[in-house]
Amino acid sequence: MKVYARLDEGTYPDKIKVTDAELATVQLHGDPFHAEWNYNITPRQQEQQTTPM
């Protein structure tokens, strides 16, 4: 196995509050082997926007 890593020196906001409703929208799918450690996050599909003509 090869691993590649590099330091990201960017600054990011901290202490962002996530509501229970927001967290419920995250699509977590646990792996059969230790789902508490191994899981996939499936991206949400973007809502289609209609543009007025």
N, C-alpha and C. Protein backbone atom coordinates (compact mmCIF):
# COMPACT_ATOMS: atom_id res chain seq x y z
N MET A 1 0.84 -1.16 0.00
CA MET A 1 0.00 0.00 0.00
C MET A 1 0.89 1.24 0.00
N LYS A 2 0.50 2.22 -0.80
CA LYS A 2 1.20 3.49 -0.82
C LYS A 2 0.27 4.56 -0.29
N VAL A 3 0.84 5.47 0.47
CA VAL A 3 0.06 6.57 1.05
C VAL A 3 0.73 7.88 0.67
N TYR A 4 -0.07 8.84 0.23
CA TYR A 4 0.43 10.16 -0.09
C TYR A 4 -0.26 11.16 0.83
N ALA A 5 0.50 12.04 1.41
CA ALA A 5 -0.07 13.06 2.30
C ALA A 5 0.72 14.34 2.16
N ARG A 6 0.06 15.45 2.39
CA ARG A 6 0.76 16.73 2.44
C ARG A 6 0.01 17.63 3.40
N LEU A 7 0.71 18.58 3.96
CA LEU A 7 0.14 19.49 4.95
C LEU A 7 -0.65 20.58 4.25
N ASP A 8 -1.88 20.76 4.69
CA ASP A 8 -2.73 21.85 4.21
C ASP A 8 -2.63 22.96 5.24
N GLU A 9 -1.98 24.04 4.89
CA GLU A 9 -1.76 25.12 5.84
C GLU A 9 -2.86 26.19 5.77
N GLY A 10 -3.96 25.88 5.10
CA GLY A 10 -5.07 26.82 5.02
C GLY A 10 -5.75 27.00 6.38
N THR A 11 -6.47 28.10 6.50
CA THR A 11 -7.24 28.33 7.72
C THR A 11 -8.72 28.11 7.41
N TYR A 12 -9.41 27.53 8.35
CA TYR A 12 -10.81 27.18 8.17
C TYR A 12 -11.57 27.57 9.43
N PRO A 13 -12.86 27.91 9.29
CA PRO A 13 -13.65 28.27 10.47
C PRO A 13 -13.80 27.07 11.39
N ASP A 14 -13.85 27.34 12.68
CA ASP A 14 -14.07 26.26 13.64
C ASP A 14 -15.34 26.54 14.44
N LYS A 15 -15.71 25.57 15.23
CA LYS A 15 -16.88 25.64 16.10
C LYS A 15 -18.17 25.93 15.33
N ILE A 16 -18.29 25.35 14.14
CA ILE A 16 -19.51 25.49 13.35
C ILE A 16 -20.55 24.55 13.94
N LYS A 17 -21.72 25.06 14.22
CA LYS A 17 -22.80 24.25 14.78
C LYS A 17 -23.55 23.56 13.66
N VAL A 18 -23.76 22.26 13.81
CA VAL A 18 -24.53 21.47 12.86
C VAL A 18 -25.78 21.00 13.58
N THR A 19 -26.94 21.33 13.02
CA THR A 19 -28.19 20.94 13.67
C THR A 19 -28.46 19.45 13.46
N ASP A 20 -29.33 18.90 14.27
CA ASP A 20 -29.71 17.49 14.11
C ASP A 20 -30.34 17.27 12.74
N ALA A 21 -31.12 18.25 12.27
CA ALA A 21 -31.77 18.12 10.96
C ALA A 21 -30.72 18.10 9.83
N GLU A 22 -29.70 18.94 9.94
CA GLU A 22 -28.63 18.94 8.94
C GLU A 22 -27.86 17.62 8.97
N LEU A 23 -27.55 17.14 10.15
CA LEU A 23 -26.81 15.89 10.28
C LEU A 23 -27.62 14.71 9.74
N ALA A 24 -28.94 14.77 9.89
CA ALA A 24 -29.80 13.68 9.41
C ALA A 24 -29.77 13.57 7.89
N THR A 25 -29.40 14.65 7.19
CA THR A 25 -29.35 14.61 5.73
C THR A 25 -28.07 13.99 5.20
N VAL A 26 -27.08 13.76 6.06
CA VAL A 26 -25.83 13.14 5.62
C VAL A 26 -26.09 11.65 5.38
N GLN A 27 -25.72 11.20 4.20
CA GLN A 27 -26.00 9.81 3.81
C GLN A 27 -24.82 8.92 4.18
N LEU A 28 -24.82 8.44 5.43
CA LEU A 28 -23.78 7.54 5.91
C LEU A 28 -24.22 6.10 5.70
N HIS A 29 -23.31 5.29 5.18
CA HIS A 29 -23.59 3.88 4.96
C HIS A 29 -22.46 3.08 5.60
N GLY A 30 -22.78 2.41 6.71
CA GLY A 30 -21.78 1.64 7.44
C GLY A 30 -21.37 0.38 6.71
N ASP A 31 -20.10 0.04 6.83
CA ASP A 31 -19.56 -1.18 6.25
C ASP A 31 -19.94 -2.36 7.14
N PRO A 32 -20.16 -3.53 6.56
CA PRO A 32 -20.48 -4.70 7.40
C PRO A 32 -19.39 -5.01 8.43
N PHE A 33 -18.14 -4.64 8.13
CA PHE A 33 -17.05 -4.88 9.07
C PHE A 33 -16.80 -3.60 9.87
N HIS A 34 -17.19 -3.59 11.11
CA HIS A 34 -17.00 -2.46 12.02
C HIS A 34 -17.56 -1.15 11.45
N ALA A 35 -18.86 -1.12 11.32
CA ALA A 35 -19.53 0.07 10.76
C ALA A 35 -19.25 1.33 11.57
N GLU A 36 -18.90 1.18 12.84
CA GLU A 36 -18.59 2.37 13.65
C GLU A 36 -17.27 3.01 13.24
N TRP A 37 -16.43 2.26 12.53
CA TRP A 37 -15.14 2.78 12.07
C TRP A 37 -15.12 2.99 10.55
N ASN A 38 -15.81 2.12 9.84
CA ASN A 38 -15.73 2.09 8.38
C ASN A 38 -17.09 2.43 7.78
N TYR A 39 -17.11 3.49 7.01
CA TYR A 39 -18.37 3.90 6.40
C TYR A 39 -18.09 4.70 5.14
N ASN A 40 -19.11 4.83 4.33
CA ASN A 40 -19.05 5.65 3.13
C ASN A 40 -20.04 6.80 3.29
N ILE A 41 -19.69 7.93 2.73
CA ILE A 41 -20.61 9.07 2.69
C ILE A 41 -20.97 9.28 1.23
N THR A 42 -22.25 9.14 0.92
CA THR A 42 -22.73 9.30 -0.44
C THR A 42 -23.15 10.75 -0.66
N PRO A 43 -22.68 11.38 -1.72
CA PRO A 43 -23.07 12.77 -1.96
C PRO A 43 -24.57 12.88 -2.24
N ARG A 44 -25.12 14.01 -1.85
CA ARG A 44 -26.52 14.29 -2.16
C ARG A 44 -26.61 14.68 -3.62
N GLN A 45 -27.73 14.39 -4.23
CA GLN A 45 -27.97 14.85 -5.59
C GLN A 45 -28.42 16.29 -5.52
N GLN A 46 -27.90 17.10 -6.41
CA GLN A 46 -28.27 18.50 -6.42
C GLN A 46 -29.69 18.63 -6.96
N GLU A 47 -30.43 19.55 -6.35
CA GLU A 47 -31.78 19.81 -6.84
C GLU A 47 -31.67 20.54 -8.17
N GLN A 48 -32.50 20.13 -9.10
CA GLN A 48 -32.49 20.79 -10.40
C GLN A 48 -33.18 22.14 -10.28
N GLN A 49 -32.52 23.16 -10.79
CA GLN A 49 -33.07 24.49 -10.74
C GLN A 49 -33.67 24.82 -12.10
N THR A 50 -34.84 25.42 -12.07
CA THR A 50 -35.45 25.85 -13.32
C THR A 50 -35.19 27.34 -13.47
N THR A 51 -34.89 27.73 -14.69
CA THR A 51 -34.64 29.14 -14.93
C THR A 51 -35.83 29.73 -15.68
N PRO A 52 -36.30 30.88 -15.25
CA PRO A 52 -37.43 31.49 -15.96
C PRO A 52 -37.02 31.96 -17.35
N MET A 53 -37.93 31.86 -18.30
CA MET A 53 -37.63 32.28 -19.67
C MET A 53 -38.21 33.65 -19.92
